[in-house]
Amino acid sequence: MKALFKKLLKSESKLDDSIAVIRGLLFGNSKFYRSLKVYYYNQGRLTVNGKLFLGTFTNRNALVPNAKGVLRVYKGGEVVITGQVRIARDCKVYVPGKLTIGDGTYINPGSMIFARTSIHIGQGCAISWNCELIDDDMHSLLEGDSKLPSAKPITIGEHVWIGANSKILKGVNIGNGAIVAAGSIVTKDVPDGALVGGVPAKVIKYNVNWA
């Protein structure tokens, strides 16, 4: 029993997946499979129209092996999952506003999402290691006597690839099929089928695709 418990505590243990399935069967939830290593706190609403794998049956190659994940839906917040979505074990997801994620999208270890207003992630998206999607500056910027809005929605289209260590900031719309190169900071809209990269990100190529 002691050896089994130690194995379960290891971040790379597949035993966690099995326990998540058993918990789902016992408690009648066949849509939401959560790792014991993910802190889940829901004061709002979580709607799963498909299956959500939160830290289970996902990429286990965590950059920080002992790190744990978070899914926190604040009062008044809403998360809507459509189809099959995978969020790696040590991702941090905070939703005071609204977060929607489409079918076939996966989010790799170390990534963080903060949805103050609204973040939409389309179908078939690949979000790599240590990415950040934040729709809020957390502080207001003053321009003369005017207070600029600190938060604006983020929209990510279908089949978008966001490279490792990239940041998507408030008010950005990323078009269908676009690619964000690793280490980029995206502050402006990205056209459909464009490859962008840099700090801040700029278009490198048009009419690209990925598989």
N, C-alpha and C. Protein backbone atom coordinates (compact mmCIF):
# COMPACT_ATOMS: atom_id res chain seq x y z
N MET A 1 0.82 -1.20 0.00
CA MET A 1 0.00 0.00 0.00
C MET A 1 0.87 1.26 0.00
N LYS A 2 1.94 1.27 0.79
CA LYS A 2 2.83 2.42 0.86
C LYS A 2 3.49 2.67 -0.48
N ALA A 3 3.92 1.59 -1.14
CA ALA A 3 4.56 1.72 -2.46
C ALA A 3 3.57 2.26 -3.49
N LEU A 4 2.32 1.81 -3.41
CA LEU A 4 1.29 2.27 -4.32
C LEU A 4 1.02 3.76 -4.13
N PHE A 5 0.99 4.19 -2.88
CA PHE A 5 0.76 5.60 -2.58
C PHE A 5 1.91 6.47 -3.11
N LYS A 6 3.15 5.99 -2.95
CA LYS A 6 4.30 6.73 -3.45
C LYS A 6 4.26 6.86 -4.98
N LYS A 7 3.83 5.78 -5.63
CA LYS A 7 3.74 5.81 -7.09
C LYS A 7 2.71 6.82 -7.55
N LEU A 8 1.60 6.88 -6.81
CA LEU A 8 0.54 7.82 -7.16
C LEU A 8 1.01 9.26 -7.04
N LEU A 9 1.87 9.53 -6.07
CA LEU A 9 2.35 10.89 -5.84
C LEU A 9 3.31 11.36 -6.92
N LYS A 10 3.91 10.42 -7.67
CA LYS A 10 4.84 10.80 -8.73
C LYS A 10 4.07 11.47 -9.86
N SER A 11 4.61 12.58 -10.35
CA SER A 11 3.90 13.36 -11.36
C SER A 11 3.74 12.61 -12.67
N GLU A 12 4.63 11.66 -12.96
CA GLU A 12 4.57 10.95 -14.23
C GLU A 12 3.76 9.66 -14.15
N SER A 13 3.14 9.40 -13.03
CA SER A 13 2.44 8.13 -12.82
C SER A 13 1.15 8.05 -13.64
N LYS A 14 0.99 6.96 -14.40
CA LYS A 14 -0.23 6.72 -15.15
C LYS A 14 -1.36 6.24 -14.25
N LEU A 15 -1.02 5.88 -13.03
CA LEU A 15 -2.03 5.43 -12.08
C LEU A 15 -3.07 6.50 -11.83
N ASP A 16 -2.66 7.74 -11.92
CA ASP A 16 -3.57 8.86 -11.72
C ASP A 16 -4.71 8.83 -12.73
N ASP A 17 -4.40 8.43 -13.98
CA ASP A 17 -5.42 8.33 -15.01
C ASP A 17 -6.49 7.30 -14.62
N SER A 18 -6.02 6.15 -14.15
CA SER A 18 -6.94 5.07 -13.77
C SER A 18 -7.85 5.50 -12.63
N ILE A 19 -7.26 6.18 -11.64
CA ILE A 19 -8.05 6.64 -10.50
C ILE A 19 -9.10 7.66 -10.95
N ALA A 20 -8.73 8.52 -11.90
CA ALA A 20 -9.68 9.51 -12.41
C ALA A 20 -10.88 8.82 -13.07
N VAL A 21 -10.62 7.75 -13.81
CA VAL A 21 -11.70 7.00 -14.45
C VAL A 21 -12.59 6.35 -13.40
N ILE A 22 -11.98 5.73 -12.39
CA ILE A 22 -12.74 5.08 -11.33
C ILE A 22 -13.61 6.09 -10.58
N ARG A 23 -13.04 7.26 -10.28
CA ARG A 23 -13.81 8.31 -9.61
C ARG A 23 -14.99 8.74 -10.46
N GLY A 24 -14.74 8.84 -11.79
CA GLY A 24 -15.82 9.21 -12.70
C GLY A 24 -16.95 8.20 -12.70
N LEU A 25 -16.59 6.92 -12.68
CA LEU A 25 -17.60 5.86 -12.67
C LEU A 25 -18.38 5.84 -11.35
N LEU A 26 -17.65 6.02 -10.25
CA LEU A 26 -18.28 5.98 -8.95
C LEU A 26 -19.23 7.14 -8.71
N PHE A 27 -18.83 8.31 -9.19
CA PHE A 27 -19.63 9.51 -8.92
C PHE A 27 -20.46 9.95 -10.14
N GLY A 28 -20.51 9.10 -11.14
CA GLY A 28 -21.40 9.34 -12.26
C GLY A 28 -21.00 10.48 -13.17
N ASN A 29 -19.71 10.84 -13.21
CA ASN A 29 -19.26 11.92 -14.08
C ASN A 29 -18.33 11.36 -15.15
N SER A 30 -18.90 11.08 -16.30
CA SER A 30 -18.12 10.51 -17.40
C SER A 30 -17.64 11.57 -18.38
N LYS A 31 -17.80 12.85 -18.00
CA LYS A 31 -17.39 13.95 -18.88
C LYS A 31 -16.15 14.68 -18.38
N PHE A 32 -15.84 14.54 -17.10
CA PHE A 32 -14.80 15.36 -16.48
C PHE A 32 -13.86 14.45 -15.70
N TYR A 33 -12.65 14.25 -16.23
CA TYR A 33 -11.67 13.38 -15.60
C TYR A 33 -10.53 14.25 -15.06
N ARG A 34 -10.48 14.40 -13.74
CA ARG A 34 -9.53 15.32 -13.11
C ARG A 34 -8.46 14.57 -12.33
N SER A 35 -7.22 14.99 -12.52
CA SER A 35 -6.11 14.45 -11.74
C SER A 35 -6.22 14.89 -10.29
N LEU A 36 -5.78 14.03 -9.38
CA LEU A 36 -5.72 14.40 -7.97
C LEU A 36 -4.70 15.51 -7.73
N LYS A 37 -3.83 15.75 -8.70
CA LYS A 37 -2.79 16.77 -8.57
C LYS A 37 -3.24 18.13 -9.10
N VAL A 38 -4.50 18.26 -9.46
CA VAL A 38 -5.03 19.53 -9.93
C VAL A 38 -6.03 20.07 -8.91
N TYR A 39 -5.79 21.27 -8.43
CA TYR A 39 -6.71 21.93 -7.50
C TYR A 39 -7.89 22.48 -8.29
N TYR A 40 -9.09 22.04 -7.97
CA TYR A 40 -10.29 22.46 -8.68
C TYR A 40 -11.25 23.14 -7.69
N TYR A 41 -11.59 24.39 -7.99
CA TYR A 41 -12.48 25.15 -7.11
C TYR A 41 -13.45 25.91 -8.00
N ASN A 42 -14.73 25.57 -7.91
CA ASN A 42 -15.73 26.11 -8.82
C ASN A 42 -16.82 26.86 -8.05
N GLN A 43 -16.80 28.19 -8.18
CA GLN A 43 -17.87 29.02 -7.62
C GLN A 43 -18.81 29.51 -8.71
N GLY A 44 -18.48 29.19 -9.95
CA GLY A 44 -19.28 29.64 -11.08
C GLY A 44 -19.95 28.48 -11.78
N ARG A 45 -19.67 28.33 -13.09
CA ARG A 45 -20.32 27.26 -13.84
C ARG A 45 -19.32 26.61 -14.80
N LEU A 46 -19.28 25.29 -14.78
CA LEU A 46 -18.48 24.50 -15.71
C LEU A 46 -19.42 23.64 -16.53
N THR A 47 -19.42 23.86 -17.86
CA THR A 47 -20.26 23.08 -18.76
C THR A 47 -19.37 22.28 -19.70
N VAL A 48 -19.51 20.96 -19.66
CA VAL A 48 -18.69 20.09 -20.50
C VAL A 48 -19.61 19.37 -21.49
N ASN A 49 -19.57 19.81 -22.73
CA ASN A 49 -20.34 19.16 -23.80
C ASN A 49 -19.41 18.24 -24.58
N GLY A 50 -18.96 17.21 -23.92
CA GLY A 50 -17.97 16.30 -24.48
C GLY A 50 -17.19 15.67 -23.36
N LYS A 51 -15.86 15.83 -23.38
CA LYS A 51 -15.01 15.32 -22.30
C LYS A 51 -13.88 16.31 -22.02
N LEU A 52 -13.64 16.54 -20.74
CA LEU A 52 -12.51 17.37 -20.30
C LEU A 52 -11.54 16.50 -19.52
N PHE A 53 -10.32 16.39 -20.03
CA PHE A 53 -9.26 15.67 -19.34
C PHE A 53 -8.35 16.71 -18.68
N LEU A 54 -8.51 16.88 -17.39
CA LEU A 54 -7.77 17.90 -16.65
C LEU A 54 -6.64 17.22 -15.88
N GLY A 55 -5.46 17.22 -16.47
CA GLY A 55 -4.31 16.57 -15.85
C GLY A 55 -4.28 15.08 -16.02
N THR A 56 -5.26 14.50 -16.72
CA THR A 56 -5.29 13.07 -16.98
C THR A 56 -5.29 12.82 -18.48
N PHE A 57 -4.64 11.72 -18.90
CA PHE A 57 -4.55 11.35 -20.32
C PHE A 57 -4.02 12.53 -21.15
N THR A 58 -3.05 13.23 -20.58
CA THR A 58 -2.47 14.39 -21.25
C THR A 58 -0.95 14.26 -21.27
N ASN A 59 -0.29 15.25 -21.85
CA ASN A 59 1.17 15.29 -21.89
C ASN A 59 1.72 15.39 -20.47
N ARG A 60 2.58 14.43 -20.09
CA ARG A 60 3.11 14.43 -18.72
C ARG A 60 4.52 15.01 -18.64
N ASN A 61 5.05 15.48 -19.74
CA ASN A 61 6.42 15.97 -19.72
C ASN A 61 6.50 17.36 -19.09
N ALA A 62 6.21 17.42 -17.81
CA ALA A 62 6.20 18.68 -17.09
C ALA A 62 7.62 19.21 -16.93
N LEU A 63 7.78 20.51 -17.08
CA LEU A 63 9.09 21.12 -16.91
C LEU A 63 9.46 21.19 -15.43
N VAL A 64 8.43 21.28 -14.58
CA VAL A 64 8.63 21.23 -13.13
C VAL A 64 7.88 20.00 -12.63
N PRO A 65 8.57 18.87 -12.46
CA PRO A 65 7.90 17.59 -12.20
C PRO A 65 6.93 17.58 -11.03
N ASN A 66 7.21 18.33 -9.98
CA ASN A 66 6.35 18.30 -8.80
C ASN A 66 5.26 19.37 -8.80
N ALA A 67 5.20 20.16 -9.86
CA ALA A 67 4.21 21.24 -9.90
C ALA A 67 2.80 20.68 -10.01
N LYS A 68 1.85 21.41 -9.43
CA LYS A 68 0.45 21.02 -9.49
C LYS A 68 -0.34 22.07 -10.25
N GLY A 69 -1.47 21.65 -10.78
CA GLY A 69 -2.29 22.53 -11.59
C GLY A 69 -3.44 23.14 -10.82
N VAL A 70 -4.10 24.10 -11.49
CA VAL A 70 -5.25 24.79 -10.90
C VAL A 70 -6.31 25.01 -11.98
N LEU A 71 -7.55 24.73 -11.64
CA LEU A 71 -8.69 25.23 -12.40
C LEU A 71 -9.62 25.90 -11.41
N ARG A 72 -9.65 27.22 -11.44
CA ARG A 72 -10.51 27.97 -10.52
C ARG A 72 -11.49 28.81 -11.31
N VAL A 73 -12.78 28.54 -11.09
CA VAL A 73 -13.85 29.32 -11.71
C VAL A 73 -14.47 30.19 -10.62
N TYR A 74 -14.29 31.49 -10.74
CA TYR A 74 -14.75 32.41 -9.70
C TYR A 74 -16.26 32.61 -9.78
N LYS A 75 -16.83 33.21 -8.75
CA LYS A 75 -18.25 33.50 -8.72
C LYS A 75 -18.61 34.37 -9.92
N GLY A 76 -19.58 33.93 -10.69
CA GLY A 76 -19.96 34.64 -11.90
C GLY A 76 -19.18 34.21 -13.13
N GLY A 77 -18.13 33.40 -12.94
CA GLY A 77 -17.33 32.92 -14.05
C GLY A 77 -17.95 31.71 -14.72
N GLU A 78 -17.51 31.44 -15.95
CA GLU A 78 -18.07 30.31 -16.70
C GLU A 78 -17.01 29.70 -17.61
N VAL A 79 -16.96 28.37 -17.61
CA VAL A 79 -16.10 27.63 -18.52
C VAL A 79 -16.98 26.71 -19.35
N VAL A 80 -16.83 26.77 -20.68
CA VAL A 80 -17.60 25.91 -21.58
C VAL A 80 -16.64 25.10 -22.44
N ILE A 81 -16.75 23.79 -22.33
CA ILE A 81 -15.91 22.86 -23.09
C ILE A 81 -16.78 22.17 -24.13
N THR A 82 -16.33 22.19 -25.39
CA THR A 82 -17.06 21.52 -26.45
C THR A 82 -16.17 20.44 -27.06
N GLY A 83 -16.67 19.20 -27.11
CA GLY A 83 -15.88 18.10 -27.64
C GLY A 83 -14.85 17.62 -26.63
N GLN A 84 -13.74 17.11 -27.12
CA GLN A 84 -12.69 16.55 -26.26
C GLN A 84 -11.55 17.54 -26.10
N VAL A 85 -11.27 17.92 -24.87
CA VAL A 85 -10.24 18.91 -24.56
C VAL A 85 -9.30 18.35 -23.50
N ARG A 86 -7.99 18.58 -23.70
CA ARG A 86 -6.99 18.09 -22.75
C ARG A 86 -6.17 19.27 -22.21
N ILE A 87 -6.12 19.37 -20.89
CA ILE A 87 -5.32 20.40 -20.23
C ILE A 87 -4.33 19.70 -19.33
N ALA A 88 -3.04 19.93 -19.53
CA ALA A 88 -1.99 19.22 -18.80
C ALA A 88 -2.04 19.49 -17.31
N ARG A 89 -1.44 18.58 -16.56
CA ARG A 89 -1.57 18.56 -15.11
C ARG A 89 -1.15 19.84 -14.41
N ASP A 90 -0.05 20.47 -14.84
CA ASP A 90 0.45 21.63 -14.09
C ASP A 90 0.09 22.97 -14.72
N CYS A 91 -0.97 22.99 -15.53
CA CYS A 91 -1.47 24.27 -16.06
C CYS A 91 -2.25 25.01 -14.98
N LYS A 92 -2.26 26.33 -15.10
CA LYS A 92 -3.00 27.18 -14.16
C LYS A 92 -4.08 27.92 -14.95
N VAL A 93 -5.34 27.70 -14.58
CA VAL A 93 -6.46 28.31 -15.30
C VAL A 93 -7.34 29.05 -14.30
N TYR A 94 -7.50 30.37 -14.48
CA TYR A 94 -8.29 31.20 -13.59
C TYR A 94 -9.36 31.91 -14.42
N VAL A 95 -10.63 31.77 -14.01
CA VAL A 95 -11.71 32.30 -14.84
C VAL A 95 -12.72 33.11 -14.01
N PRO A 96 -12.47 34.43 -13.89
CA PRO A 96 -13.50 35.31 -13.32
C PRO A 96 -14.56 35.65 -14.37
N GLY A 97 -14.19 35.57 -15.66
CA GLY A 97 -15.10 35.90 -16.76
C GLY A 97 -15.61 34.65 -17.45
N LYS A 98 -15.25 34.49 -18.75
CA LYS A 98 -15.72 33.33 -19.50
C LYS A 98 -14.57 32.74 -20.32
N LEU A 99 -14.48 31.42 -20.31
CA LEU A 99 -13.49 30.69 -21.10
C LEU A 99 -14.21 29.62 -21.89
N THR A 100 -14.02 29.62 -23.21
CA THR A 100 -14.57 28.57 -24.05
C THR A 100 -13.44 27.91 -24.82
N ILE A 101 -13.48 26.56 -24.89
CA ILE A 101 -12.44 25.79 -25.58
C ILE A 101 -13.12 24.77 -26.47
N GLY A 102 -12.64 24.68 -27.73
CA GLY A 102 -13.26 23.81 -28.71
C GLY A 102 -12.64 22.43 -28.80
N ASP A 103 -13.30 21.57 -29.52
CA ASP A 103 -12.95 20.16 -29.66
C ASP A 103 -11.54 19.95 -30.21
N GLY A 104 -10.83 19.00 -29.62
CA GLY A 104 -9.52 18.61 -30.12
C GLY A 104 -8.39 19.52 -29.70
N THR A 105 -8.67 20.52 -28.91
CA THR A 105 -7.62 21.43 -28.43
C THR A 105 -6.90 20.82 -27.23
N TYR A 106 -5.58 21.01 -27.19
CA TYR A 106 -4.83 20.58 -26.01
C TYR A 106 -3.90 21.68 -25.56
N ILE A 107 -3.67 21.72 -24.25
CA ILE A 107 -2.82 22.74 -23.63
C ILE A 107 -1.73 22.02 -22.87
N ASN A 108 -0.49 22.29 -23.22
CA ASN A 108 0.66 21.56 -22.67
C ASN A 108 1.13 22.10 -21.32
N PRO A 109 2.01 21.36 -20.64
CA PRO A 109 2.42 21.70 -19.27
C PRO A 109 2.98 23.11 -19.12
N GLY A 110 2.72 23.69 -17.95
CA GLY A 110 3.29 24.97 -17.58
C GLY A 110 2.55 26.19 -18.09
N SER A 111 1.48 25.99 -18.87
CA SER A 111 0.77 27.12 -19.45
C SER A 111 -0.21 27.72 -18.46
N MET A 112 -0.57 29.00 -18.70
CA MET A 112 -1.46 29.71 -17.79
C MET A 112 -2.49 30.50 -18.57
N ILE A 113 -3.74 30.44 -18.11
CA ILE A 113 -4.83 31.18 -18.73
C ILE A 113 -5.52 32.01 -17.65
N PHE A 114 -5.73 33.30 -17.94
CA PHE A 114 -6.49 34.16 -17.03
C PHE A 114 -7.52 34.90 -17.86
N ALA A 115 -8.80 34.58 -17.62
CA ALA A 115 -9.90 35.17 -18.39
C ALA A 115 -10.71 36.11 -17.51
N ARG A 116 -10.38 37.38 -17.54
CA ARG A 116 -11.14 38.38 -16.79
C ARG A 116 -12.46 38.69 -17.49
N THR A 117 -12.39 38.89 -18.80
CA THR A 117 -13.59 39.15 -19.59
C THR A 117 -13.97 37.89 -20.36
N SER A 118 -13.24 37.60 -21.45
CA SER A 118 -13.57 36.44 -22.26
C SER A 118 -12.35 35.97 -23.04
N ILE A 119 -12.11 34.67 -23.00
CA ILE A 119 -11.09 34.05 -23.86
C ILE A 119 -11.76 32.89 -24.58
N HIS A 120 -11.69 32.92 -25.91
CA HIS A 120 -12.23 31.83 -26.72
C HIS A 120 -11.08 31.16 -27.46
N ILE A 121 -10.99 29.83 -27.32
CA ILE A 121 -9.99 29.03 -28.03
C ILE A 121 -10.76 28.06 -28.91
N GLY A 122 -10.51 28.11 -30.22
CA GLY A 122 -11.27 27.31 -31.17
C GLY A 122 -10.89 25.84 -31.20
N GLN A 123 -11.40 25.14 -32.18
CA GLN A 123 -11.17 23.71 -32.32
C GLN A 123 -9.76 23.42 -32.83
N GLY A 124 -9.23 22.27 -32.41
CA GLY A 124 -7.98 21.76 -32.97
C GLY A 124 -6.77 22.63 -32.74
N CYS A 125 -6.74 23.35 -31.63
CA CYS A 125 -5.59 24.22 -31.34
C CYS A 125 -4.54 23.48 -30.51
N ALA A 126 -3.29 23.86 -30.72
CA ALA A 126 -2.16 23.29 -29.96
C ALA A 126 -1.47 24.42 -29.22
N ILE A 127 -1.56 24.39 -27.90
CA ILE A 127 -0.91 25.41 -27.07
C ILE A 127 0.24 24.74 -26.35
N SER A 128 1.43 25.18 -26.61
CA SER A 128 2.64 24.49 -26.16
C SER A 128 3.01 24.82 -24.72
N TRP A 129 4.23 24.41 -24.33
CA TRP A 129 4.69 24.59 -22.95
C TRP A 129 4.84 26.06 -22.57
N ASN A 130 4.49 26.36 -21.33
CA ASN A 130 4.74 27.68 -20.72
C ASN A 130 4.18 28.86 -21.51
N CYS A 131 3.01 28.68 -22.09
CA CYS A 131 2.35 29.79 -22.77
C CYS A 131 1.44 30.53 -21.79
N GLU A 132 1.16 31.79 -22.10
CA GLU A 132 0.27 32.58 -21.25
C GLU A 132 -0.78 33.27 -22.12
N LEU A 133 -2.03 33.12 -21.74
CA LEU A 133 -3.13 33.83 -22.38
C LEU A 133 -3.80 34.66 -21.29
N ILE A 134 -3.63 35.97 -21.36
CA ILE A 134 -4.11 36.86 -20.30
C ILE A 134 -4.85 38.03 -20.94
N ASP A 135 -6.14 38.16 -20.63
CA ASP A 135 -6.93 39.23 -21.25
C ASP A 135 -7.02 40.49 -20.39
N ASP A 136 -6.16 40.59 -19.39
CA ASP A 136 -6.21 41.72 -18.46
C ASP A 136 -4.80 42.17 -18.11
N ASP A 137 -4.58 43.49 -18.12
CA ASP A 137 -3.29 44.04 -17.72
C ASP A 137 -3.10 44.03 -16.20
N MET A 138 -4.17 43.82 -15.47
CA MET A 138 -4.20 43.80 -14.01
C MET A 138 -4.11 45.20 -13.39
N HIS A 139 -3.63 46.17 -14.16
CA HIS A 139 -3.59 47.57 -13.71
C HIS A 139 -4.11 48.45 -14.85
N SER A 140 -4.74 49.56 -14.51
CA SER A 140 -5.25 50.49 -15.52
C SER A 140 -4.16 51.46 -15.96
N LEU A 141 -4.14 51.75 -17.25
CA LEU A 141 -3.21 52.71 -17.81
C LEU A 141 -3.92 54.05 -17.97
N LEU A 142 -3.29 55.11 -17.47
CA LEU A 142 -3.87 56.44 -17.57
C LEU A 142 -3.25 57.19 -18.74
N GLU A 143 -4.11 57.80 -19.57
CA GLU A 143 -3.65 58.61 -20.70
C GLU A 143 -4.26 60.00 -20.50
N GLY A 144 -3.45 60.89 -19.94
CA GLY A 144 -4.00 62.18 -19.54
C GLY A 144 -4.97 61.98 -18.40
N ASP A 145 -6.20 62.47 -18.59
CA ASP A 145 -7.24 62.28 -17.57
C ASP A 145 -8.09 61.04 -17.85
N SER A 146 -7.78 60.34 -18.93
CA SER A 146 -8.59 59.19 -19.32
C SER A 146 -8.00 57.89 -18.78
N LYS A 147 -8.89 57.01 -18.34
CA LYS A 147 -8.49 55.70 -17.85
C LYS A 147 -8.79 54.68 -18.93
N LEU A 148 -7.76 54.05 -19.47
CA LEU A 148 -7.94 53.08 -20.53
C LEU A 148 -8.38 51.74 -19.95
N PRO A 149 -9.17 50.96 -20.71
CA PRO A 149 -9.63 49.66 -20.21
C PRO A 149 -8.47 48.71 -19.98
N SER A 150 -8.48 48.04 -18.84
CA SER A 150 -7.38 47.13 -18.53
C SER A 150 -7.59 45.74 -19.11
N ALA A 151 -8.84 45.43 -19.51
CA ALA A 151 -9.15 44.09 -20.00
C ALA A 151 -9.93 44.14 -21.30
N LYS A 152 -9.57 43.26 -22.23
CA LYS A 152 -10.30 43.10 -23.50
C LYS A 152 -10.26 41.62 -23.89
N PRO A 153 -11.31 41.12 -24.53
CA PRO A 153 -11.37 39.70 -24.86
C PRO A 153 -10.26 39.24 -25.81
N ILE A 154 -9.92 37.96 -25.71
CA ILE A 154 -8.99 37.29 -26.61
C ILE A 154 -9.76 36.24 -27.40
N THR A 155 -9.54 36.20 -28.71
CA THR A 155 -10.17 35.17 -29.54
C THR A 155 -9.09 34.44 -30.34
N ILE A 156 -9.05 33.13 -30.19
CA ILE A 156 -8.12 32.29 -30.94
C ILE A 156 -8.95 31.40 -31.85
N GLY A 157 -8.68 31.45 -33.15
CA GLY A 157 -9.49 30.74 -34.12
C GLY A 157 -9.30 29.23 -34.12
N GLU A 158 -9.64 28.61 -35.22
CA GLU A 158 -9.53 27.16 -35.35
C GLU A 158 -8.12 26.77 -35.79
N HIS A 159 -7.66 25.62 -35.31
CA HIS A 159 -6.39 25.02 -35.76
C HIS A 159 -5.23 26.01 -35.67
N VAL A 160 -5.07 26.60 -34.50
CA VAL A 160 -3.98 27.56 -34.25
C VAL A 160 -2.90 26.87 -33.42
N TRP A 161 -1.64 27.12 -33.78
CA TRP A 161 -0.50 26.55 -33.06
C TRP A 161 0.23 27.70 -32.37
N ILE A 162 0.28 27.63 -31.04
CA ILE A 162 0.99 28.65 -30.26
C ILE A 162 2.26 28.01 -29.69
N GLY A 163 3.41 28.49 -30.10
CA GLY A 163 4.69 27.91 -29.72
C GLY A 163 5.05 28.16 -28.27
N ALA A 164 5.99 27.39 -27.78
CA ALA A 164 6.39 27.42 -26.37
C ALA A 164 6.83 28.82 -25.92
N ASN A 165 6.51 29.14 -24.68
CA ASN A 165 6.92 30.38 -24.03
C ASN A 165 6.35 31.64 -24.69
N SER A 166 5.24 31.49 -25.38
CA SER A 166 4.59 32.65 -26.01
C SER A 166 3.56 33.26 -25.08
N LYS A 167 3.26 34.54 -25.31
CA LYS A 167 2.26 35.25 -24.51
C LYS A 167 1.26 35.91 -25.46
N ILE A 168 -0.02 35.70 -25.18
CA ILE A 168 -1.08 36.33 -25.95
C ILE A 168 -1.76 37.34 -25.02
N LEU A 169 -1.73 38.61 -25.40
CA LEU A 169 -2.21 39.67 -24.51
C LEU A 169 -3.61 40.13 -24.88
N LYS A 170 -4.16 41.00 -24.08
CA LYS A 170 -5.56 41.42 -24.17
C LYS A 170 -5.91 41.97 -25.56
N GLY A 171 -7.15 41.73 -25.97
CA GLY A 171 -7.68 42.31 -27.19
C GLY A 171 -7.20 41.68 -28.48
N VAL A 172 -6.44 40.60 -28.41
CA VAL A 172 -5.86 39.98 -29.60
C VAL A 172 -6.83 38.97 -30.22
N ASN A 173 -6.92 39.01 -31.55
CA ASN A 173 -7.67 38.00 -32.32
C ASN A 173 -6.67 37.27 -33.21
N ILE A 174 -6.60 35.96 -33.07
CA ILE A 174 -5.69 35.15 -33.88
C ILE A 174 -6.54 34.35 -34.87
N GLY A 175 -6.22 34.50 -36.16
CA GLY A 175 -7.02 33.90 -37.22
C GLY A 175 -6.84 32.40 -37.34
N ASN A 176 -7.72 31.78 -38.10
CA ASN A 176 -7.70 30.34 -38.30
C ASN A 176 -6.39 29.88 -38.95
N GLY A 177 -5.84 28.77 -38.45
CA GLY A 177 -4.66 28.18 -39.05
C GLY A 177 -3.37 28.93 -38.80
N ALA A 178 -3.39 29.96 -37.98
CA ALA A 178 -2.19 30.77 -37.73
C ALA A 178 -1.19 30.02 -36.84
N ILE A 179 0.06 30.46 -36.92
CA ILE A 179 1.14 29.88 -36.11
C ILE A 179 1.85 31.02 -35.39
N VAL A 180 2.02 30.85 -34.08
CA VAL A 180 2.78 31.82 -33.28
C VAL A 180 4.11 31.16 -32.91
N ALA A 181 5.22 31.75 -33.36
CA ALA A 181 6.54 31.17 -33.11
C ALA A 181 6.88 31.21 -31.63
N ALA A 182 7.72 30.28 -31.21
CA ALA A 182 8.10 30.17 -29.80
C ALA A 182 8.70 31.47 -29.28
N GLY A 183 8.34 31.82 -28.06
CA GLY A 183 8.92 32.99 -27.41
C GLY A 183 8.33 34.32 -27.85
N SER A 184 7.21 34.29 -28.56
CA SER A 184 6.62 35.53 -29.07
C SER A 184 5.72 36.19 -28.03
N ILE A 185 5.57 37.51 -28.15
CA ILE A 185 4.57 38.25 -27.38
C ILE A 185 3.62 38.89 -28.38
N VAL A 186 2.37 38.43 -28.38
CA VAL A 186 1.41 38.86 -29.39
C VAL A 186 0.54 39.97 -28.80
N THR A 187 0.64 41.15 -29.40
CA THR A 187 -0.09 42.31 -28.91
C THR A 187 -1.12 42.82 -29.93
N LYS A 188 -1.04 42.30 -31.17
CA LYS A 188 -1.94 42.74 -32.23
C LYS A 188 -2.55 41.53 -32.92
N ASP A 189 -3.63 41.77 -33.68
CA ASP A 189 -4.33 40.69 -34.37
C ASP A 189 -3.41 39.98 -35.36
N VAL A 190 -3.69 38.68 -35.53
CA VAL A 190 -2.92 37.84 -36.45
C VAL A 190 -3.87 37.35 -37.54
N PRO A 191 -3.53 37.57 -38.83
CA PRO A 191 -4.41 37.13 -39.93
C PRO A 191 -4.51 35.61 -40.02
N ASP A 192 -5.54 35.13 -40.70
CA ASP A 192 -5.66 33.70 -40.99
C ASP A 192 -4.41 33.20 -41.70
N GLY A 193 -3.93 32.02 -41.32
CA GLY A 193 -2.85 31.38 -42.04
C GLY A 193 -1.53 32.12 -42.02
N ALA A 194 -1.30 32.95 -41.02
CA ALA A 194 -0.05 33.70 -40.94
C ALA A 194 0.87 33.11 -39.88
N LEU A 195 2.17 33.20 -40.13
CA LEU A 195 3.19 32.86 -39.15
C LEU A 195 3.72 34.16 -38.56
N VAL A 196 3.59 34.31 -37.24
CA VAL A 196 4.09 35.52 -36.59
C VAL A 196 5.14 35.13 -35.55
N GLY A 197 6.04 36.06 -35.27
CA GLY A 197 7.05 35.81 -34.27
C GLY A 197 7.73 37.09 -33.84
N GLY A 198 8.35 37.06 -32.66
CA GLY A 198 9.10 38.20 -32.18
C GLY A 198 8.46 38.88 -31.00
N VAL A 199 9.12 39.96 -30.54
CA VAL A 199 8.66 40.74 -29.39
C VAL A 199 8.70 42.21 -29.77
N PRO A 200 7.56 42.83 -30.07
CA PRO A 200 6.25 42.20 -30.23
C PRO A 200 6.17 41.40 -31.52
N ALA A 201 5.22 40.48 -31.60
CA ALA A 201 5.13 39.59 -32.76
C ALA A 201 4.74 40.35 -34.03
N LYS A 202 5.41 39.98 -35.13
CA LYS A 202 5.10 40.54 -36.45
C LYS A 202 4.96 39.39 -37.44
N VAL A 203 4.26 39.66 -38.55
CA VAL A 203 4.06 38.63 -39.56
C VAL A 203 5.38 38.30 -40.24
N ILE A 204 5.71 37.02 -40.27
CA ILE A 204 6.92 36.53 -40.92
C ILE A 204 6.57 35.95 -42.30
N LYS A 205 5.49 35.18 -42.36
CA LYS A 205 5.03 34.58 -43.61
C LYS A 205 3.50 34.54 -43.63
N TYR A 206 2.97 34.55 -44.87
CA TYR A 206 1.53 34.35 -45.06
C TYR A 206 1.29 32.99 -45.71
N ASN A 207 0.04 32.57 -45.69
CA ASN A 207 -0.38 31.32 -46.35
C ASN A 207 0.42 30.11 -45.90
N VAL A 208 0.60 29.97 -44.60
CA VAL A 208 1.28 28.79 -44.07
C VAL A 208 0.23 27.83 -43.49
N ASN A 209 0.68 26.62 -43.20
CA ASN A 209 -0.19 25.62 -42.59
C ASN A 209 0.66 24.74 -41.69
N TRP A 210 0.04 23.91 -40.89
CA TRP A 210 0.80 23.03 -40.03
C TRP A 210 -0.02 21.76 -39.77
N ALA A 211 0.69 20.70 -39.37
CA ALA A 211 0.02 19.43 -39.11
C ALA A 211 0.58 18.81 -37.85
